[in-house]
Structures are given as C-alpha cells and as structure tokens.
Amino acid sequence: MTPAAEPTRSGTAVVLLGPGDAIPSAALPLVRAATAVYTTADAPPPAALAEEASSGRVVLLTADLADPAAAALLARGAAIVRPEPVYGAGLLAAVAVMDRLRSPGGCPWDAEQTHDSLKQYLVEECFELLEAIEDGDRAALREELGDVLLQVLFHSRVAQESPDAPFSIDDVANELVTKLVGRHPHVFAGGDPEVRDARTQEHRWEQLKQQEKKRESSVDGVAMGQPATALAAKLVQRTKRAGLPVDLLPDSPLFAAAARSKLAGEDPEGALRAEARKFAADVRAAEQAARSEGVDPAAMNEAEWRRFWPS
C-alpha cells in the first residue's frame, strides 16, 4: 500500500480518486474540514487555485496528478492522498485466463487434463512452495504461490465442466468464506468465550470442525495420503486432544520418534526435512571439495568421503 502523504498545515490536499471516482477513506477528514472542494473539471485557474490555497483549506479531487490544477497545489506543498489498493482484480484475471485455456480454441494440452492427470502437479507444486518457504526465497515464494493457485483454478475449471455435480471457482471461494466465518465466531459473531488466545482458538477450530462435519472419530478427516512422518504427527495431535493415554501410542521406533517430537511441540516432518536438506548440502559440499582437488566424487572410497566431509 502506498501511504498517504501527511496533510499540510493548511489542510490543502490533492486527492487521487480510486475506481469509480471513489474518494479514499483517508481523505474524508480533509474533505469535511476543507473550505473549498474542487474537481479538475470545476477548479479555478491554477494560479487562482494556488492563491486560494494560501489562505484556506483546499481539496482537489482528481484522477490525474499531472493536471495543471493538481500541479499548482503540489507546487505549494499540498498533501497527496492516494486510493487504498483494491485486492482481487488479479484473481479475476487469472480465472479469465484459465477459462480461455480450457475453452474451444484454447490450449489442447490444458483441455485434455482431468483431476487425476493433474494430481502429480499439485503435489509437486506444494513441495516446491514448501522449499521456497524453507529457503526464505521471496521471489520463489511468490512464483510458487502462483503455481499452487494455478492448481486451484485448474481443478475448479475442470469441475465446472463435469456432468457429475459440477461446481465453479466461485463455489469454492464461497464455501471457503462460509467456513472461515463459521469457525471464527470470536471475530464475526460478536465474540466467543472459549477463545482467549491462539492456543484456545486452535482447539475451538477443531471442535467446530468436528461439529460441522459430524465426525464420529477424533481421527476422521486426517489425510492418510500425506508423508508418513507428518501422518504420524497428525494422528498423535488429534488423539492427544481427545485424551488418549500416551502409553497407547504405537511403540515402533519410527512412530515413537515422531510421536515424541510432536508431543514436545515440535514438527517432526519439518525437522526431518531440515536434517535431510542439511545432509544433501553436506554431500554436495564434499563432492565439490573433491572436485577442487581433482578427485572424481563418483569414484571416492570411504576414506575420501571422510576426508572431504564438511567439519
């Protein structure tokens, strides 16, 4: 968001209008306190406008900061008040592009895709987004968020064409809005005594979800197709909330390790990924060190691996 300029001492301002000639909310106090409010169509000549501003609070409403009247006031140090950004226009453009790609005359490859054929890309894009987050790469984060959004748009467009219970991207968005509003009564329904902080909100979210979906088990709704470590952690989280005694958890070494990590408030999937990424980085560093000394990494023995391993 571009911040509004500080008002001048006289209260004179140039207000850049938003879509539909809307006056930015930040400009309303200036408009109410003004001795004169003009648009570029009815403003006096620039010299006269500037003179008036020297002795009063003049507000000019304009869609063009290069207009002579606006330039005259800005030359006298008038504040610039810009419209608040309106988010979502880019999403509408993305929906239109997806529609074009799937329509007759669009992309043949896109037109052939199904929910099943797109599954692999959904998984890949989510992991690439996760990697961008872990790397702290802002440019990659923005790109990968777009790729994940593409999957949502693509699946929604495919669903729209289905003869079996079709739905559109608007149905997806509306259901999300209903869910968010319904699970945040402390925000949208005037308060919820059970929500006092982030921890109680998380617990309340699960309560409302179970009521909403009429689940019979504390582990209903857990995605069994997720990575094994994450799956074990999620099951432990759900059963802990349900009061399951810890001694009833599986005692296999791998499950027990994931359970101990989750019960300690850690993220075993993330921790294991971090260790795996560090290991991969160490392997690359050792191979690079070997190459720098003329040793072929593919032919290294155990002693050479130890020699080049990062300390």
C-alpha atoms as a PDB file:
ATOM      1  CA  MET A   1       0.000   0.000   0.000  1.00  0.00           C
ATOM      2  CA  THR A   2       1.292   3.454  -0.851  1.00  0.00           C
ATOM      3  CA  PRO A   3       0.940   5.570   2.278  1.00  0.00           C
ATOM      4  CA  ALA A   4      -0.964   8.826   2.112  1.00  0.00           C
ATOM      5  CA  ALA A   5       1.158  11.918   2.462  1.00  0.00           C
ATOM      6  CA  GLU A   6       0.964  13.883   5.686  1.00  0.00           C
ATOM      7  CA  PRO A   7      -1.570  16.732   5.431  1.00  0.00           C
ATOM      8  CA  THR A   8      -0.085  20.187   5.032  1.00  0.00           C
ATOM      9  CA  ARG A   9      -0.504  22.669   7.844  1.00  0.00           C
ATOM     10  CA  SER A  10      -3.250  24.407   5.893  1.00  0.00           C
ATOM     11  CA  GLY A  11      -5.111  21.147   5.212  1.00  0.00           C
ATOM     12  CA  THR A  12      -4.776  21.548   1.445  1.00  0.00           C
ATOM     13  CA  ALA A  13      -4.578  18.228  -0.414  1.00  0.00           C
ATOM     14  CA  VAL A  14      -4.723  16.630  -3.829  1.00  0.00           C
ATOM     15  CA  VAL A  15      -6.861  13.511  -3.595  1.00  0.00           C
ATOM     16  CA  LEU A  16      -6.269  10.845  -6.226  1.00  0.00           C
ATOM     17  CA  LEU A  17      -9.608   9.162  -6.860  1.00  0.00           C
ATOM     18  CA  GLY A  18      -9.996   5.413  -6.803  1.00  0.00           C
ATOM     19  CA  PRO A  19     -12.055   3.099  -9.056  1.00  0.00           C
ATOM     20  CA  GLY A  20     -15.435   4.610  -9.886  1.00  0.00           C
ATOM     21  CA  ASP A  21     -14.196   8.028  -8.725  1.00  0.00           C
ATOM     22  CA  ALA A  22     -14.306   6.858  -5.126  1.00  0.00           C
ATOM     23  CA  ILE A  23     -12.781   9.183  -2.534  1.00  0.00           C
ATOM     24  CA  PRO A  24     -10.170   7.365  -0.408  1.00  0.00           C
ATOM     25  CA  SER A  25     -11.254   6.972   3.207  1.00  0.00           C
ATOM     26  CA  ALA A  26      -8.026   8.675   4.352  1.00  0.00           C
ATOM     27  CA  ALA A  27      -9.159  11.844   2.519  1.00  0.00           C
ATOM     28  CA  LEU A  28     -12.591  12.126   4.124  1.00  0.00           C
ATOM     29  CA  PRO A  29     -11.442  14.158   7.171  1.00  0.00           C
ATOM     30  CA  LEU A  30      -9.693  16.599   4.837  1.00  0.00           C
ATOM     31  CA  VAL A  31     -12.778  16.911   2.649  1.00  0.00           C
ATOM     32  CA  ARG A  32     -15.012  17.592   5.659  1.00  0.00           C
ATOM     33  CA  ALA A  33     -12.663  20.254   7.017  1.00  0.00           C
ATOM     34  CA  ALA A  34     -11.999  21.925   3.656  1.00  0.00           C
ATOM     35  CA  THR A  35     -13.062  25.490   2.918  1.00  0.00           C
ATOM     36  CA  ALA A  36     -13.362  24.514  -0.759  1.00  0.00           C
ATOM     37  CA  VAL A  37     -13.525  21.187  -2.598  1.00  0.00           C
ATOM     38  CA  TYR A  38     -12.979  21.074  -6.350  1.00  0.00           C
ATOM     39  CA  THR A  39     -12.674  18.558  -9.127  1.00  0.00           C
ATOM     40  CA  THR A  40     -10.369  19.168 -12.074  1.00  0.00           C
ATOM     41  CA  ALA A  41     -13.471  19.979 -14.128  1.00  0.00           C
ATOM     42  CA  ASP A  42     -14.678  22.843 -11.911  1.00  0.00           C
ATOM     43  CA  ALA A  43     -11.429  24.097 -10.344  1.00  0.00           C
ATOM     44  CA  PRO A  44     -10.446  27.743 -10.906  1.00  0.00           C
ATOM     45  CA  PRO A  45      -7.342  28.501 -12.980  1.00  0.00           C
ATOM     46  CA  PRO A  46      -4.136  27.097 -11.450  1.00  0.00           C
ATOM     47  CA  ALA A  47      -2.806  30.484 -10.274  1.00  0.00           C
ATOM     48  CA  ALA A  48      -6.118  31.402  -8.627  1.00  0.00           C
ATOM     49  CA  LEU A  49      -6.377  27.937  -7.062  1.00  0.00           C
ATOM     50  CA  ALA A  50      -2.895  28.220  -5.600  1.00  0.00           C
ATOM     51  CA  GLU A  51      -3.700  31.676  -4.212  1.00  0.00           C
ATOM     52  CA  GLU A  52      -6.886  30.369  -2.598  1.00  0.00           C
ATOM     53  CA  ALA A  53      -4.916  27.544  -1.026  1.00  0.00           C
ATOM     54  CA  SER A  54      -2.593  30.057   0.628  1.00  0.00           C
ATOM     55  CA  SER A  55      -5.411  31.292   2.837  1.00  0.00           C
ATOM     56  CA  GLY A  56      -7.751  28.286   3.099  1.00  0.00           C
ATOM     57  CA  ARG A  57      -8.074  24.532   3.125  1.00  0.00           C
ATOM     58  CA  VAL A  58      -8.488  23.496  -0.483  1.00  0.00           C
ATOM     59  CA  VAL A  59      -9.044  19.910  -1.581  1.00  0.00           C
ATOM     60  CA  LEU A  60      -8.786  18.911  -5.228  1.00  0.00           C
ATOM     61  CA  LEU A  61     -10.320  15.616  -6.381  1.00  0.00           C
ATOM     62  CA  THR A  62      -8.555  14.288  -9.458  1.00  0.00           C
ATOM     63  CA  ALA A  63      -7.708  11.175 -11.432  1.00  0.00           C
ATOM     64  CA  ASP A  64      -4.527  12.734 -12.845  1.00  0.00           C
ATOM     65  CA  LEU A  65      -1.708  14.147 -10.719  1.00  0.00           C
ATOM     66  CA  ALA A  66      -0.265  15.789 -13.860  1.00  0.00           C
ATOM     67  CA  ASP A  67      -3.354  18.002 -14.284  1.00  0.00           C
ATOM     68  CA  PRO A  68      -2.385  21.731 -14.104  1.00  0.00           C
ATOM     69  CA  ALA A  69      -4.636  22.334 -11.102  1.00  0.00           C
ATOM     70  CA  ALA A  70      -3.073  19.417  -9.226  1.00  0.00           C
ATOM     71  CA  ALA A  71       0.411  20.565 -10.205  1.00  0.00           C
ATOM     72  CA  ALA A  72      -0.296  24.052  -8.883  1.00  0.00           C
ATOM     73  CA  LEU A  73      -1.325  22.741  -5.460  1.00  0.00           C
ATOM     74  CA  LEU A  74       1.504  20.235  -5.272  1.00  0.00           C
ATOM     75  CA  ALA A  75       3.962  23.036  -6.012  1.00  0.00           C
ATOM     76  CA  ARG A  76       2.694  24.691  -2.818  1.00  0.00           C
ATOM     77  CA  GLY A  77       3.357  21.511  -0.804  1.00  0.00           C
ATOM     78  CA  ALA A  78      -0.144  20.060  -0.821  1.00  0.00           C
ATOM     79  CA  ALA A  79      -0.545  16.548   0.501  1.00  0.00           C
ATOM     80  CA  ILE A  80      -1.242  13.679  -1.868  1.00  0.00           C
ATOM     81  CA  VAL A  81      -3.852  11.196  -0.697  1.00  0.00           C
ATOM     82  CA  ARG A  82      -3.892   8.019  -2.758  1.00  0.00           C
ATOM     83  CA  PRO A  83      -6.686   5.433  -3.015  1.00  0.00           C
ATOM     84  CA  GLU A  84      -6.494   2.284  -0.977  1.00  0.00           C
ATOM     85  CA  PRO A  85      -5.483  -0.715  -3.063  1.00  0.00           C
ATOM     86  CA  VAL A  86      -8.324  -3.000  -4.131  1.00  0.00           C
ATOM     87  CA  TYR A  87      -7.105  -6.572  -3.964  1.00  0.00           C
ATOM     88  CA  GLY A  88      -8.596  -9.370  -6.024  1.00  0.00           C
ATOM     89  CA  ALA A  89      -8.529  -7.943  -9.535  1.00  0.00           C
ATOM     90  CA  GLY A  90      -5.555 -10.144 -10.355  1.00  0.00           C
ATOM     91  CA  LEU A  91      -7.514 -13.206  -9.250  1.00  0.00           C
ATOM     92  CA  LEU A  92     -10.304 -12.354 -11.697  1.00  0.00           C
ATOM     93  CA  ALA A  93      -7.725 -12.029 -14.467  1.00  0.00           C
ATOM     94  CA  ALA A  94      -6.274 -15.430 -13.557  1.00  0.00           C
ATOM     95  CA  VAL A  95      -9.742 -17.003 -13.685  1.00  0.00           C
ATOM     96  CA  ALA A  96     -10.310 -15.459 -17.136  1.00  0.00           C
ATOM     97  CA  VAL A  97      -7.004 -16.825 -18.443  1.00  0.00           C
ATOM     98  CA  MET A  98      -7.821 -20.304 -17.137  1.00  0.00           C
ATOM     99  CA  ASP A  99     -11.228 -20.123 -18.773  1.00  0.00           C
ATOM    100  CA  ARG A 100      -9.615 -19.166 -22.085  1.00  0.00           C
ATOM    101  CA  LEU A 101      -7.139 -22.037 -21.904  1.00  0.00           C
ATOM    102  CA  ARG A 102      -9.898 -24.609 -21.335  1.00  0.00           C
ATOM    103  CA  SER A 103     -12.340 -23.183 -23.876  1.00  0.00           C
ATOM    104  CA  PRO A 104     -12.568 -24.158 -27.568  1.00  0.00           C
ATOM    105  CA  GLY A 105      -9.640 -22.629 -29.404  1.00  0.00           C
ATOM    106  CA  GLY A 106      -7.547 -22.625 -26.241  1.00  0.00           C
ATOM    107  CA  CYS A 107      -4.662 -24.906 -25.286  1.00  0.00           C
ATOM    108  CA  PRO A 108      -5.046 -28.565 -26.431  1.00  0.00           C
ATOM    109  CA  TRP A 109      -2.962 -29.866 -23.520  1.00  0.00           C
ATOM    110  CA  ASP A 110      -4.937 -27.915 -20.923  1.00  0.00           C
ATOM    111  CA  ALA A 111      -8.194 -29.088 -22.487  1.00  0.00           C
ATOM    112  CA  GLU A 112      -7.202 -32.747 -22.028  1.00  0.00           C
ATOM    113  CA  GLN A 113      -6.395 -32.565 -18.331  1.00  0.00           C
ATOM    114  CA  THR A 114      -8.511 -34.226 -15.638  1.00  0.00           C
ATOM    115  CA  HIS A 115      -8.447 -34.211 -11.861  1.00  0.00           C
ATOM    116  CA  ASP A 116      -6.440 -37.444 -11.961  1.00  0.00           C
ATOM    117  CA  SER A 117      -3.900 -36.229 -14.514  1.00  0.00           C
ATOM    118  CA  LEU A 118      -3.310 -33.047 -12.514  1.00  0.00           C
ATOM    119  CA  LYS A 119      -2.644 -34.789  -9.183  1.00  0.00           C
ATOM    120  CA  GLN A 120       1.099 -35.092  -9.738  1.00  0.00           C
ATOM    121  CA  TYR A 121       1.437 -31.368 -10.410  1.00  0.00           C
ATOM    122  CA  LEU A 122      -0.488 -30.444  -7.276  1.00  0.00           C
ATOM    123  CA  VAL A 123       1.899 -32.489  -5.141  1.00  0.00           C
ATOM    124  CA  GLU A 124       4.984 -31.160  -6.943  1.00  0.00           C
ATOM    125  CA  GLU A 125       3.922 -27.519  -6.693  1.00  0.00           C
ATOM    126  CA  CYS A 126       3.119 -27.813  -2.990  1.00  0.00           C
ATOM    127  CA  PHE A 127       6.567 -29.263  -2.294  1.00  0.00           C
ATOM    128  CA  GLU A 128       8.215 -26.533  -4.378  1.00  0.00           C
ATOM    129  CA  LEU A 129       6.309 -23.932  -2.365  1.00  0.00           C
ATOM    130  CA  LEU A 130       7.462 -25.595   0.848  1.00  0.00           C
ATOM    131  CA  GLU A 131      11.055 -25.482  -0.377  1.00  0.00           C
ATOM    132  CA  ALA A 132      10.764 -21.758  -1.189  1.00  0.00           C
ATOM    133  CA  ILE A 133       9.480 -21.110   2.344  1.00  0.00           C
ATOM    134  CA  GLU A 134      12.306 -23.115   3.899  1.00  0.00           C
ATOM    135  CA  ASP A 135      14.891 -21.313   1.742  1.00  0.00           C
ATOM    136  CA  GLY A 136      13.463 -17.899   2.615  1.00  0.00           C
ATOM    137  CA  ASP A 137      13.434 -17.104  -1.116  1.00  0.00           C
ATOM    138  CA  ARG A 138      10.847 -14.342  -1.548  1.00  0.00           C
ATOM    139  CA  ALA A 139      10.905 -14.347  -5.352  1.00  0.00           C
ATOM    140  CA  ALA A 140      10.454 -18.123  -5.455  1.00  0.00           C
ATOM    141  CA  LEU A 141       7.742 -17.890  -2.793  1.00  0.00           C
ATOM    142  CA  ARG A 142       5.688 -15.539  -4.943  1.00  0.00           C
ATOM    143  CA  GLU A 143       6.155 -17.716  -8.034  1.00  0.00           C
ATOM    144  CA  GLU A 144       5.328 -20.981  -6.272  1.00  0.00           C
ATOM    145  CA  LEU A 145       2.230 -19.485  -4.635  1.00  0.00           C
ATOM    146  CA  GLY A 146       1.100 -18.669  -8.167  1.00  0.00           C
ATOM    147  CA  ASP A 147       1.743 -22.235  -9.275  1.00  0.00           C
ATOM    148  CA  VAL A 148      -0.319 -23.585  -6.360  1.00  0.00           C
ATOM    149  CA  LEU A 149      -3.065 -21.090  -7.212  1.00  0.00           C
ATOM    150  CA  LEU A 150      -2.972 -22.395 -10.773  1.00  0.00           C
ATOM    151  CA  GLN A 151      -3.808 -25.856  -9.464  1.00  0.00           C
ATOM    152  CA  VAL A 152      -6.844 -24.484  -7.609  1.00  0.00           C
ATOM    153  CA  LEU A 153      -8.015 -22.637 -10.717  1.00  0.00           C
ATOM    154  CA  PHE A 154      -7.357 -25.651 -12.961  1.00  0.00           C
ATOM    155  CA  HIS A 155      -9.227 -28.154 -10.781  1.00  0.00           C
ATOM    156  CA  SER A 156     -12.112 -25.721 -10.319  1.00  0.00           C
ATOM    157  CA  ARG A 157     -12.391 -25.200 -14.085  1.00  0.00           C
ATOM    158  CA  VAL A 158     -12.334 -28.949 -14.714  1.00  0.00           C
ATOM    159  CA  ALA A 159     -15.034 -29.401 -12.065  1.00  0.00           C
ATOM    160  CA  GLN A 160     -17.155 -26.740 -13.720  1.00  0.00           C
ATOM    161  CA  GLU A 161     -17.341 -28.867 -16.879  1.00  0.00           C
ATOM    162  CA  SER A 162     -18.216 -32.086 -15.081  1.00  0.00           C
ATOM    163  CA  PRO A 163     -21.678 -33.598 -15.673  1.00  0.00           C
ATOM    164  CA  ASP A 164     -21.468 -35.051 -12.151  1.00  0.00           C
ATOM    165  CA  ALA A 165     -22.195 -32.352  -9.530  1.00  0.00           C
ATOM    166  CA  PRO A 166     -20.373 -29.515 -11.293  1.00  0.00           C
ATOM    167  CA  PHE A 167     -19.105 -26.532  -9.337  1.00  0.00           C
ATOM    168  CA  SER A 168     -17.106 -23.403 -10.170  1.00  0.00           C
ATOM    169  CA  ILE A 169     -14.303 -21.361  -8.653  1.00  0.00           C
ATOM    170  CA  ASP A 170     -16.992 -19.130  -7.105  1.00  0.00           C
ATOM    171  CA  ASP A 171     -18.480 -22.137  -5.320  1.00  0.00           C
ATOM    172  CA  VAL A 172     -15.015 -22.991  -3.998  1.00  0.00           C
ATOM    173  CA  ALA A 173     -14.444 -19.430  -2.783  1.00  0.00           C
ATOM    174  CA  ASN A 174     -17.921 -19.101  -1.244  1.00  0.00           C
ATOM    175  CA  GLU A 175     -17.526 -22.360   0.659  1.00  0.00           C
ATOM    176  CA  LEU A 176     -14.181 -21.137   1.981  1.00  0.00           C
ATOM    177  CA  VAL A 177     -15.749 -17.850   3.134  1.00  0.00           C
ATOM    178  CA  THR A 178     -18.549 -19.726   4.895  1.00  0.00           C
ATOM    179  CA  LYS A 179     -16.010 -21.971   6.617  1.00  0.00           C
ATOM    180  CA  LEU A 180     -13.768 -19.110   7.757  1.00  0.00           C
ATOM    181  CA  VAL A 181     -16.686 -17.080   9.098  1.00  0.00           C
ATOM    182  CA  GLY A 182     -18.268 -20.074  10.828  1.00  0.00           C
ATOM    183  CA  ARG A 183     -15.050 -21.132  12.522  1.00  0.00           C
ATOM    184  CA  HIS A 184     -14.202 -17.643  13.766  1.00  0.00           C
ATOM    185  CA  PRO A 185     -17.265 -16.709  15.854  1.00  0.00           C
ATOM    186  CA  HIS A 186     -14.983 -14.607  18.081  1.00  0.00           C
ATOM    187  CA  VAL A 187     -14.383 -12.374  15.035  1.00  0.00           C
ATOM    188  CA  PHE A 188     -17.639 -12.486  13.062  1.00  0.00           C
ATOM    189  CA  ALA A 189     -20.335 -13.323  15.627  1.00  0.00           C
ATOM    190  CA  GLY A 190     -19.683 -10.829  18.377  1.00  0.00           C
ATOM    191  CA  GLY A 191     -17.352 -12.956  20.461  1.00  0.00           C
ATOM    192  CA  ASP A 192     -16.726 -16.485  21.726  1.00  0.00           C
ATOM    193  CA  PRO A 193     -15.894 -17.014  25.430  1.00  0.00           C
ATOM    194  CA  GLU A 194     -13.978 -20.195  24.586  1.00  0.00           C
ATOM    195  CA  VAL A 195     -11.399 -18.276  22.530  1.00  0.00           C
ATOM    196  CA  ARG A 196      -8.858 -16.366  24.614  1.00  0.00           C
ATOM    197  CA  ASP A 197      -5.626 -16.795  22.674  1.00  0.00           C
ATOM    198  CA  ALA A 198      -4.086 -18.643  19.719  1.00  0.00           C
ATOM    199  CA  ARG A 199      -3.986 -21.975  21.571  1.00  0.00           C
ATOM    200  CA  THR A 200      -7.654 -21.909  22.592  1.00  0.00           C
ATOM    201  CA  GLN A 201      -8.593 -20.780  19.071  1.00  0.00           C
ATOM    202  CA  GLU A 202      -6.830 -23.824  17.608  1.00  0.00           C
ATOM    203  CA  HIS A 203      -8.740 -26.095  19.985  1.00  0.00           C
ATOM    204  CA  ARG A 204     -12.017 -24.300  19.209  1.00  0.00           C
ATOM    205  CA  TRP A 205     -11.356 -24.648  15.460  1.00  0.00           C
ATOM    206  CA  GLU A 206     -11.130 -28.428  15.833  1.00  0.00           C
ATOM    207  CA  GLN A 207     -14.299 -28.506  17.957  1.00  0.00           C
ATOM    208  CA  LEU A 208     -16.266 -26.534  15.398  1.00  0.00           C
ATOM    209  CA  LYS A 209     -14.862 -28.618  12.548  1.00  0.00           C
ATOM    210  CA  GLN A 210     -15.925 -31.866  14.247  1.00  0.00           C
ATOM    211  CA  GLN A 211     -19.434 -30.490  14.888  1.00  0.00           C
ATOM    212  CA  GLU A 212     -19.708 -29.127  11.360  1.00  0.00           C
ATOM    213  CA  LYS A 213     -18.622 -32.350   9.678  1.00  0.00           C
ATOM    214  CA  LYS A 214     -20.436 -34.603  12.184  1.00  0.00           C
ATOM    215  CA  ARG A 215     -17.315 -36.698  12.661  1.00  0.00           C
ATOM    216  CA  GLU A 216     -17.584 -39.806  14.793  1.00  0.00           C
ATOM    217  CA  SER A 217     -13.868 -40.263  15.436  1.00  0.00           C
ATOM    218  CA  SER A 218     -11.088 -37.929  16.535  1.00  0.00           C
ATOM    219  CA  VAL A 219      -9.040 -39.155  13.573  1.00  0.00           C
ATOM    220  CA  ASP A 220     -11.756 -38.700  10.944  1.00  0.00           C
ATOM    221  CA  GLY A 221     -10.593 -36.290   8.268  1.00  0.00           C
ATOM    222  CA  VAL A 222      -6.873 -36.950   8.704  1.00  0.00           C
ATOM    223  CA  ALA A 223      -5.365 -37.234   5.218  1.00  0.00           C
ATOM    224  CA  MET A 224      -3.901 -40.727   5.135  1.00  0.00           C
ATOM    225  CA  GLY A 225      -2.028 -39.987   1.911  1.00  0.00           C
ATOM    226  CA  GLN A 226       0.337 -37.436   3.471  1.00  0.00           C
ATOM    227  CA  PRO A 227       4.014 -38.272   4.160  1.00  0.00           C
ATOM    228  CA  ALA A 228       4.372 -40.882   6.889  1.00  0.00           C
ATOM    229  CA  THR A 229       6.122 -38.696   9.463  1.00  0.00           C
ATOM    230  CA  ALA A 230       3.545 -35.938   9.029  1.00  0.00           C
ATOM    231  CA  LEU A 231       0.741 -38.523   9.195  1.00  0.00           C
ATOM    232  CA  ALA A 232       2.051 -39.966  12.472  1.00  0.00           C
ATOM    233  CA  ALA A 233       2.393 -36.466  13.934  1.00  0.00           C
ATOM    234  CA  LYS A 234      -1.149 -35.507  12.895  1.00  0.00           C
ATOM    235  CA  LEU A 235      -2.628 -38.656  14.416  1.00  0.00           C
ATOM    236  CA  VAL A 236      -0.754 -38.016  17.662  1.00  0.00           C
ATOM    237  CA  GLN A 237      -2.003 -34.414  17.698  1.00  0.00           C
ATOM    238  CA  ARG A 238      -5.616 -35.458  17.174  1.00  0.00           C
ATOM    239  CA  THR A 239      -5.567 -38.277  19.741  1.00  0.00           C
ATOM    240  CA  LYS A 240      -3.817 -36.115  22.323  1.00  0.00           C
ATOM    241  CA  ARG A 241      -6.660 -33.602  22.057  1.00  0.00           C
ATOM    242  CA  ALA A 242      -9.106 -36.480  22.528  1.00  0.00           C
ATOM    243  CA  GLY A 243      -7.349 -37.508  25.768  1.00  0.00           C
ATOM    244  CA  LEU A 244      -5.803 -40.767  24.525  1.00  0.00           C
ATOM    245  CA  PRO A 245      -3.174 -42.025  27.027  1.00  0.00           C
ATOM    246  CA  VAL A 246       0.350 -41.748  25.650  1.00  0.00           C
ATOM    247  CA  ASP A 247       1.116 -45.396  26.510  1.00  0.00           C
ATOM    248  CA  LEU A 248      -1.475 -46.497  23.932  1.00  0.00           C
ATOM    249  CA  LEU A 249       0.507 -44.968  21.057  1.00  0.00           C
ATOM    250  CA  PRO A 250       2.354 -47.467  18.825  1.00  0.00           C
ATOM    251  CA  ASP A 251       5.794 -48.301  20.215  1.00  0.00           C
ATOM    252  CA  SER A 252       7.534 -48.931  16.887  1.00  0.00           C
ATOM    253  CA  PRO A 253      10.792 -46.920  16.775  1.00  0.00           C
ATOM    254  CA  LEU A 254       9.833 -44.683  13.848  1.00  0.00           C
ATOM    255  CA  PHE A 255       6.319 -43.891  15.081  1.00  0.00           C
ATOM    256  CA  ALA A 256       7.583 -43.382  18.621  1.00  0.00           C
ATOM    257  CA  ALA A 257      10.216 -40.899  17.420  1.00  0.00           C
ATOM    258  CA  ALA A 258       7.594 -38.900  15.509  1.00  0.00           C
ATOM    259  CA  ALA A 259       5.215 -39.054  18.489  1.00  0.00           C
ATOM    260  CA  ARG A 260       7.847 -37.838  20.973  1.00  0.00           C
ATOM    261  CA  SER A 261       8.723 -34.946  18.683  1.00  0.00           C
ATOM    262  CA  LYS A 262       5.086 -33.886  18.256  1.00  0.00           C
ATOM    263  CA  LEU A 263       4.288 -34.218  21.962  1.00  0.00           C
ATOM    264  CA  ALA A 264       7.283 -31.964  22.653  1.00  0.00           C
ATOM    265  CA  GLY A 265       5.692 -29.281  20.493  1.00  0.00           C
ATOM    266  CA  GLU A 266       7.972 -29.846  17.516  1.00  0.00           C
ATOM    267  CA  ASP A 267       7.251 -30.514  13.849  1.00  0.00           C
ATOM    268  CA  PRO A 268       8.811 -33.908  13.096  1.00  0.00           C
ATOM    269  CA  GLU A 269       8.171 -33.649   9.365  1.00  0.00           C
ATOM    270  CA  GLY A 270       9.839 -30.246   9.204  1.00  0.00           C
ATOM    271  CA  ALA A 271      12.690 -31.334  11.464  1.00  0.00           C
ATOM    272  CA  LEU A 272      13.375 -34.425   9.374  1.00  0.00           C
ATOM    273  CA  ARG A 273      13.212 -32.377   6.176  1.00  0.00           C
ATOM    274  CA  ALA A 274      15.712 -29.912   7.642  1.00  0.00           C
ATOM    275  CA  GLU A 275      18.094 -32.733   8.521  1.00  0.00           C
ATOM    276  CA  ALA A 276      17.678 -34.248   5.059  1.00  0.00           C
ATOM    277  CA  ARG A 277      18.347 -30.881   3.385  1.00  0.00           C
ATOM    278  CA  LYS A 278      21.466 -30.354   5.517  1.00  0.00           C
ATOM    279  CA  PHE A 279      22.674 -33.846   4.638  1.00  0.00           C
ATOM    280  CA  ALA A 280      22.161 -33.143   0.923  1.00  0.00           C
ATOM    281  CA  ALA A 281      24.076 -29.854   1.280  1.00  0.00           C
ATOM    282  CA  ASP A 282      26.946 -31.664   3.042  1.00  0.00           C
ATOM    283  CA  VAL A 283      27.073 -34.276   0.264  1.00  0.00           C
ATOM    284  CA  ARG A 284      27.304 -31.542  -2.372  1.00  0.00           C
ATOM    285  CA  ALA A 285      29.984 -29.705  -0.379  1.00  0.00           C
ATOM    286  CA  ALA A 286      32.098 -32.858  -0.062  1.00  0.00           C
ATOM    287  CA  GLU A 287      31.749 -33.595  -3.771  1.00  0.00           C
ATOM    288  CA  GLN A 288      32.716 -30.032  -4.679  1.00  0.00           C
ATOM    289  CA  ALA A 289      35.725 -30.177  -2.358  1.00  0.00           C
ATOM    290  CA  ALA A 290      36.800 -33.413  -4.010  1.00  0.00           C
ATOM    291  CA  ARG A 291      36.492 -31.925  -7.499  1.00  0.00           C
ATOM    292  CA  SER A 292      38.563 -28.921  -6.457  1.00  0.00           C
ATOM    293  CA  GLU A 293      41.432 -31.332  -5.719  1.00  0.00           C
ATOM    294  CA  GLY A 294      40.980 -33.333  -8.891  1.00  0.00           C
ATOM    295  CA  VAL A 295      39.182 -36.254  -7.267  1.00  0.00           C
ATOM    296  CA  ASP A 296      36.179 -37.806  -9.042  1.00  0.00           C
ATOM    297  CA  PRO A 297      33.296 -37.831  -6.500  1.00  0.00           C
ATOM    298  CA  ALA A 298      31.729 -40.863  -8.220  1.00  0.00           C
ATOM    299  CA  ALA A 299      34.862 -42.913  -7.517  1.00  0.00           C
ATOM    300  CA  MET A 300      35.531 -41.887  -3.898  1.00  0.00           C
ATOM    301  CA  ASN A 301      36.078 -44.551  -1.240  1.00  0.00           C
ATOM    302  CA  GLU A 302      35.048 -44.239   2.411  1.00  0.00           C
ATOM    303  CA  ALA A 303      38.311 -42.628   3.446  1.00  0.00           C
ATOM    304  CA  GLU A 304      37.984 -39.978   0.758  1.00  0.00           C
ATOM    305  CA  TRP A 305      34.386 -39.240   1.712  1.00  0.00           C
ATOM    306  CA  ARG A 306      35.545 -38.703   5.308  1.00  0.00           C
ATOM    307  CA  ARG A 307      38.446 -36.536   4.123  1.00  0.00           C
ATOM    308  CA  PHE A 308      36.228 -34.147   2.179  1.00  0.00           C
ATOM    309  CA  TRP A 309      33.208 -34.204   4.515  1.00  0.00           C
ATOM    310  CA  PRO A 310      32.388 -30.756   5.962  1.00  0.00           C
ATOM    311  CA  SER A 311      33.512 -30.415   9.553  1.00  0.00           C
END
